[in-house]
Amino acid sequence: NSGRLHAKFSCELYAHEYNARGASPASRVAGHADEVLFRDCLALRPDLAAEYEQLKLALWKPYKHDRDGYTAAKGDFVRRVTAEAKRYFTAQND
């Protein structure tokens, strides 16, 4: 739970700093591509970034010569994180 609290605090702090510079992803969530939301969520959540790194390392050798398979194998993780990012940034606009 302390990790979740830390991640939530980090997200809020990052979003506040981003807003202060006038470039908040939360202010443009409706027009953002999923890739940008995914990237922004990983920037906000070091735990998810580390999980993504481990996934990519685990898939590297099995899919060394299969780019489409590699991308597909990451799909569930990417969809889950992107959905979380959409919920988070949409809530920031409410």
N, C-alpha and C. Protein backbone atom coordinates (compact mmCIF):
# COMPACT_ATOMS: atom_id res chain seq x y z
N ASN A 1 0.81 -1.20 0.00
CA ASN A 1 0.00 0.00 0.00
C ASN A 1 0.85 1.26 0.00
N SER A 2 1.99 1.25 0.70
CA SER A 2 2.84 2.43 0.72
C SER A 2 3.38 2.73 -0.66
N GLY A 3 3.62 1.68 -1.47
CA GLY A 3 4.07 1.88 -2.85
C GLY A 3 3.00 2.55 -3.68
N ARG A 4 1.75 2.14 -3.48
CA ARG A 4 0.62 2.73 -4.21
C ARG A 4 0.45 4.19 -3.79
N LEU A 5 0.57 4.46 -2.49
CA LEU A 5 0.44 5.83 -2.00
C LEU A 5 1.56 6.69 -2.58
N HIS A 6 2.78 6.14 -2.58
CA HIS A 6 3.92 6.88 -3.13
C HIS A 6 3.69 7.16 -4.62
N ALA A 7 3.22 6.16 -5.36
CA ALA A 7 2.97 6.34 -6.80
C ALA A 7 1.89 7.39 -7.02
N LYS A 8 0.83 7.35 -6.19
CA LYS A 8 -0.25 8.34 -6.33
C LYS A 8 0.30 9.73 -6.05
N PHE A 9 1.09 9.87 -4.99
CA PHE A 9 1.68 11.16 -4.67
C PHE A 9 2.58 11.62 -5.81
N SER A 10 3.39 10.70 -6.33
CA SER A 10 4.28 11.04 -7.43
C SER A 10 3.49 11.50 -8.65
N CYS A 11 2.38 10.81 -8.94
CA CYS A 11 1.54 11.20 -10.08
C CYS A 11 0.99 12.60 -9.88
N GLU A 12 0.49 12.87 -8.69
CA GLU A 12 -0.09 14.18 -8.43
C GLU A 12 0.97 15.27 -8.48
N LEU A 13 2.14 15.01 -7.93
CA LEU A 13 3.22 15.98 -7.95
C LEU A 13 3.65 16.24 -9.40
N TYR A 14 3.84 15.18 -10.16
CA TYR A 14 4.25 15.32 -11.56
C TYR A 14 3.20 16.09 -12.34
N ALA A 15 1.93 15.76 -12.16
CA ALA A 15 0.86 16.44 -12.88
C ALA A 15 0.84 17.92 -12.51
N HIS A 16 1.05 18.23 -11.23
CA HIS A 16 1.07 19.62 -10.80
C HIS A 16 2.23 20.37 -11.47
N GLU A 17 3.41 19.77 -11.47
CA GLU A 17 4.57 20.41 -12.09
C GLU A 17 4.35 20.57 -13.59
N TYR A 18 3.76 19.57 -14.22
CA TYR A 18 3.48 19.63 -15.64
C TYR A 18 2.50 20.76 -15.93
N ASN A 19 1.46 20.89 -15.09
CA ASN A 19 0.48 21.96 -15.26
C ASN A 19 1.13 23.33 -15.10
N ALA A 20 2.06 23.44 -14.17
CA ALA A 20 2.72 24.71 -13.92
C ALA A 20 3.50 25.17 -15.14
N ARG A 21 3.96 24.24 -15.95
CA ARG A 21 4.69 24.59 -17.17
C ARG A 21 3.75 24.74 -18.36
N GLY A 22 2.46 24.49 -18.15
CA GLY A 22 1.49 24.67 -19.21
C GLY A 22 1.46 23.57 -20.25
N ALA A 23 1.94 22.39 -19.90
CA ALA A 23 1.98 21.32 -20.89
C ALA A 23 1.39 20.03 -20.34
N SER A 24 0.33 20.12 -19.56
CA SER A 24 -0.21 18.96 -18.89
C SER A 24 -0.89 17.99 -19.85
N PRO A 25 -0.52 16.70 -19.77
CA PRO A 25 -1.25 15.71 -20.56
C PRO A 25 -2.71 15.63 -20.10
N ALA A 26 -2.98 15.96 -18.86
CA ALA A 26 -4.35 15.91 -18.36
C ALA A 26 -5.23 16.93 -19.06
N SER A 27 -4.67 18.02 -19.49
CA SER A 27 -5.47 19.06 -20.14
C SER A 27 -5.81 18.72 -21.58
N ARG A 28 -5.16 17.69 -22.12
CA ARG A 28 -5.39 17.34 -23.51
C ARG A 28 -5.71 15.87 -23.71
N VAL A 29 -6.22 15.19 -22.70
CA VAL A 29 -6.40 13.75 -22.75
C VAL A 29 -7.28 13.32 -23.92
N ALA A 30 -8.31 14.05 -24.25
CA ALA A 30 -9.22 13.65 -25.31
C ALA A 30 -8.52 13.56 -26.66
N GLY A 31 -7.53 14.42 -26.88
CA GLY A 31 -6.85 14.43 -28.17
C GLY A 31 -5.56 13.64 -28.21
N HIS A 32 -5.18 13.07 -27.09
CA HIS A 32 -3.90 12.36 -27.05
C HIS A 32 -3.97 10.98 -27.67
N ALA A 33 -2.93 10.65 -28.36
CA ALA A 33 -2.78 9.29 -28.87
C ALA A 33 -2.49 8.36 -27.70
N ASP A 34 -2.88 7.12 -27.83
CA ASP A 34 -2.64 6.14 -26.76
C ASP A 34 -1.16 6.04 -26.41
N GLU A 35 -0.29 6.17 -27.39
CA GLU A 35 1.15 6.05 -27.14
C GLU A 35 1.63 7.14 -26.18
N VAL A 36 1.08 8.33 -26.32
CA VAL A 36 1.48 9.44 -25.46
C VAL A 36 0.96 9.20 -24.04
N LEU A 37 -0.27 8.73 -23.92
CA LEU A 37 -0.82 8.42 -22.60
C LEU A 37 -0.01 7.33 -21.93
N PHE A 38 0.36 6.30 -22.68
CA PHE A 38 1.18 5.21 -22.15
C PHE A 38 2.51 5.76 -21.65
N ARG A 39 3.16 6.57 -22.46
CA ARG A 39 4.45 7.17 -22.09
C ARG A 39 4.32 8.01 -20.83
N ASP A 40 3.30 8.86 -20.79
CA ASP A 40 3.12 9.74 -19.64
C ASP A 40 2.85 8.94 -18.37
N CYS A 41 2.09 7.86 -18.49
CA CYS A 41 1.81 7.03 -17.32
C CYS A 41 3.09 6.38 -16.80
N LEU A 42 3.94 5.89 -17.71
CA LEU A 42 5.20 5.29 -17.27
C LEU A 42 6.09 6.33 -16.60
N ALA A 43 6.04 7.57 -17.10
CA ALA A 43 6.84 8.63 -16.49
C ALA A 43 6.36 8.94 -15.07
N LEU A 44 5.06 8.77 -14.86
CA LEU A 44 4.47 9.05 -13.55
C LEU A 44 4.61 7.90 -12.57
N ARG A 45 4.73 6.70 -13.10
CA ARG A 45 4.69 5.50 -12.26
C ARG A 45 5.97 4.68 -12.43
N PRO A 46 6.99 4.95 -11.64
CA PRO A 46 8.24 4.19 -11.75
C PRO A 46 8.04 2.68 -11.58
N ASP A 47 7.04 2.28 -10.80
CA ASP A 47 6.78 0.85 -10.62
C ASP A 47 6.33 0.21 -11.93
N LEU A 48 5.48 0.91 -12.68
CA LEU A 48 5.03 0.38 -13.97
C LEU A 48 6.16 0.43 -15.00
N ALA A 49 6.98 1.46 -14.94
CA ALA A 49 8.12 1.55 -15.86
C ALA A 49 9.08 0.38 -15.62
N ALA A 50 9.30 0.03 -14.37
CA ALA A 50 10.18 -1.10 -14.04
C ALA A 50 9.55 -2.42 -14.51
N GLU A 51 8.24 -2.54 -14.34
CA GLU A 51 7.54 -3.74 -14.80
C GLU A 51 7.65 -3.88 -16.32
N TYR A 52 7.50 -2.76 -17.02
CA TYR A 52 7.60 -2.76 -18.48
C TYR A 52 9.02 -3.12 -18.92
N GLU A 53 10.01 -2.60 -18.21
CA GLU A 53 11.39 -2.93 -18.52
C GLU A 53 11.63 -4.43 -18.38
N GLN A 54 11.13 -5.03 -17.30
CA GLN A 54 11.30 -6.47 -17.09
C GLN A 54 10.60 -7.28 -18.17
N LEU A 55 9.40 -6.85 -18.55
CA LEU A 55 8.68 -7.53 -19.62
C LEU A 55 9.47 -7.49 -20.92
N LYS A 56 9.98 -6.32 -21.27
CA LYS A 56 10.73 -6.17 -22.51
C LYS A 56 12.00 -7.04 -22.50
N LEU A 57 12.66 -7.08 -21.35
CA LEU A 57 13.86 -7.92 -21.24
C LEU A 57 13.52 -9.40 -21.38
N ALA A 58 12.39 -9.81 -20.82
CA ALA A 58 11.98 -11.21 -20.91
C ALA A 58 11.60 -11.60 -22.33
N LEU A 59 11.11 -10.65 -23.10
CA LEU A 59 10.66 -10.92 -24.47
C LEU A 59 11.75 -10.75 -25.51
N TRP A 60 12.82 -10.12 -25.14
CA TRP A 60 13.86 -9.77 -26.08
C TRP A 60 14.40 -10.97 -26.87
N LYS A 61 14.87 -11.98 -26.19
CA LYS A 61 15.45 -13.13 -26.88
C LYS A 61 14.41 -13.98 -27.63
N PRO A 62 13.28 -14.31 -27.00
CA PRO A 62 12.31 -15.14 -27.72
C PRO A 62 11.78 -14.48 -29.00
N TYR A 63 11.76 -13.16 -29.03
CA TYR A 63 11.20 -12.45 -30.18
C TYR A 63 12.26 -11.63 -30.92
N LYS A 64 13.51 -12.03 -30.80
CA LYS A 64 14.62 -11.27 -31.39
C LYS A 64 14.42 -10.99 -32.88
N HIS A 65 13.86 -11.93 -33.59
CA HIS A 65 13.67 -11.78 -35.04
C HIS A 65 12.20 -11.74 -35.43
N ASP A 66 11.34 -11.38 -34.49
CA ASP A 66 9.90 -11.34 -34.74
C ASP A 66 9.31 -10.08 -34.11
N ARG A 67 9.44 -8.97 -34.81
CA ARG A 67 8.98 -7.68 -34.29
C ARG A 67 7.47 -7.68 -34.01
N ASP A 68 6.69 -8.27 -34.91
CA ASP A 68 5.24 -8.31 -34.71
C ASP A 68 4.88 -9.14 -33.49
N GLY A 69 5.55 -10.27 -33.31
CA GLY A 69 5.29 -11.12 -32.15
C GLY A 69 5.68 -10.42 -30.86
N TYR A 70 6.80 -9.70 -30.89
CA TYR A 70 7.27 -8.95 -29.73
C TYR A 70 6.24 -7.89 -29.33
N THR A 71 5.75 -7.16 -30.31
CA THR A 71 4.76 -6.13 -30.06
C THR A 71 3.47 -6.74 -29.52
N ALA A 72 3.04 -7.84 -30.10
CA ALA A 72 1.82 -8.52 -29.65
C ALA A 72 1.97 -9.04 -28.22
N ALA A 73 3.16 -9.54 -27.89
CA ALA A 73 3.39 -10.09 -26.56
C ALA A 73 3.35 -9.01 -25.47
N LYS A 74 3.61 -7.77 -25.84
CA LYS A 74 3.53 -6.66 -24.89
C LYS A 74 2.12 -6.08 -24.81
N GLY A 75 1.24 -6.52 -25.69
CA GLY A 75 -0.07 -5.91 -25.86
C GLY A 75 -0.92 -5.81 -24.61
N ASP A 76 -1.05 -6.87 -23.84
CA ASP A 76 -1.89 -6.83 -22.64
C ASP A 76 -1.39 -5.78 -21.65
N PHE A 77 -0.08 -5.73 -21.46
CA PHE A 77 0.49 -4.75 -20.54
C PHE A 77 0.23 -3.33 -21.04
N VAL A 78 0.49 -3.10 -22.30
CA VAL A 78 0.31 -1.76 -22.88
C VAL A 78 -1.15 -1.33 -22.78
N ARG A 79 -2.08 -2.23 -23.09
CA ARG A 79 -3.50 -1.88 -22.99
C ARG A 79 -3.92 -1.58 -21.55
N ARG A 80 -3.41 -2.36 -20.61
CA ARG A 80 -3.75 -2.15 -19.19
C ARG A 80 -3.24 -0.79 -18.71
N VAL A 81 -2.00 -0.46 -19.03
CA VAL A 81 -1.41 0.80 -18.58
C VAL A 81 -2.07 1.98 -19.29
N THR A 82 -2.37 1.83 -20.57
CA THR A 82 -3.03 2.91 -21.31
C THR A 82 -4.41 3.18 -20.74
N ALA A 83 -5.15 2.13 -20.40
CA ALA A 83 -6.47 2.31 -19.79
C ALA A 83 -6.34 3.02 -18.45
N GLU A 84 -5.33 2.65 -17.66
CA GLU A 84 -5.09 3.32 -16.37
C GLU A 84 -4.77 4.80 -16.60
N ALA A 85 -3.96 5.09 -17.60
CA ALA A 85 -3.60 6.48 -17.90
C ALA A 85 -4.82 7.28 -18.31
N LYS A 86 -5.69 6.70 -19.12
CA LYS A 86 -6.91 7.40 -19.53
C LYS A 86 -7.78 7.72 -18.33
N ARG A 87 -7.93 6.76 -17.43
CA ARG A 87 -8.73 7.00 -16.22
C ARG A 87 -8.10 8.10 -15.37
N TYR A 88 -6.80 8.03 -15.17
CA TYR A 88 -6.11 8.99 -14.32
C TYR A 88 -6.20 10.40 -14.90
N PHE A 89 -5.84 10.57 -16.17
CA PHE A 89 -5.81 11.90 -16.75
C PHE A 89 -7.22 12.46 -16.95
N THR A 90 -8.19 11.61 -17.20
CA THR A 90 -9.57 12.07 -17.31
C THR A 90 -10.04 12.56 -15.95
N ALA A 91 -9.72 11.85 -14.89
CA ALA A 91 -10.10 12.27 -13.53
C ALA A 91 -9.47 13.61 -13.17
N GLN A 92 -8.28 13.86 -13.67
CA GLN A 92 -7.60 15.13 -13.39
C GLN A 92 -8.36 16.30 -14.02
N ASN A 93 -9.10 16.03 -15.09
CA ASN A 93 -9.86 17.08 -15.76
C ASN A 93 -11.22 17.32 -15.14
N ASP A 94 -11.67 16.40 -14.30
CA ASP A 94 -13.01 16.54 -13.67
C ASP A 94 -13.01 17.52 -12.53
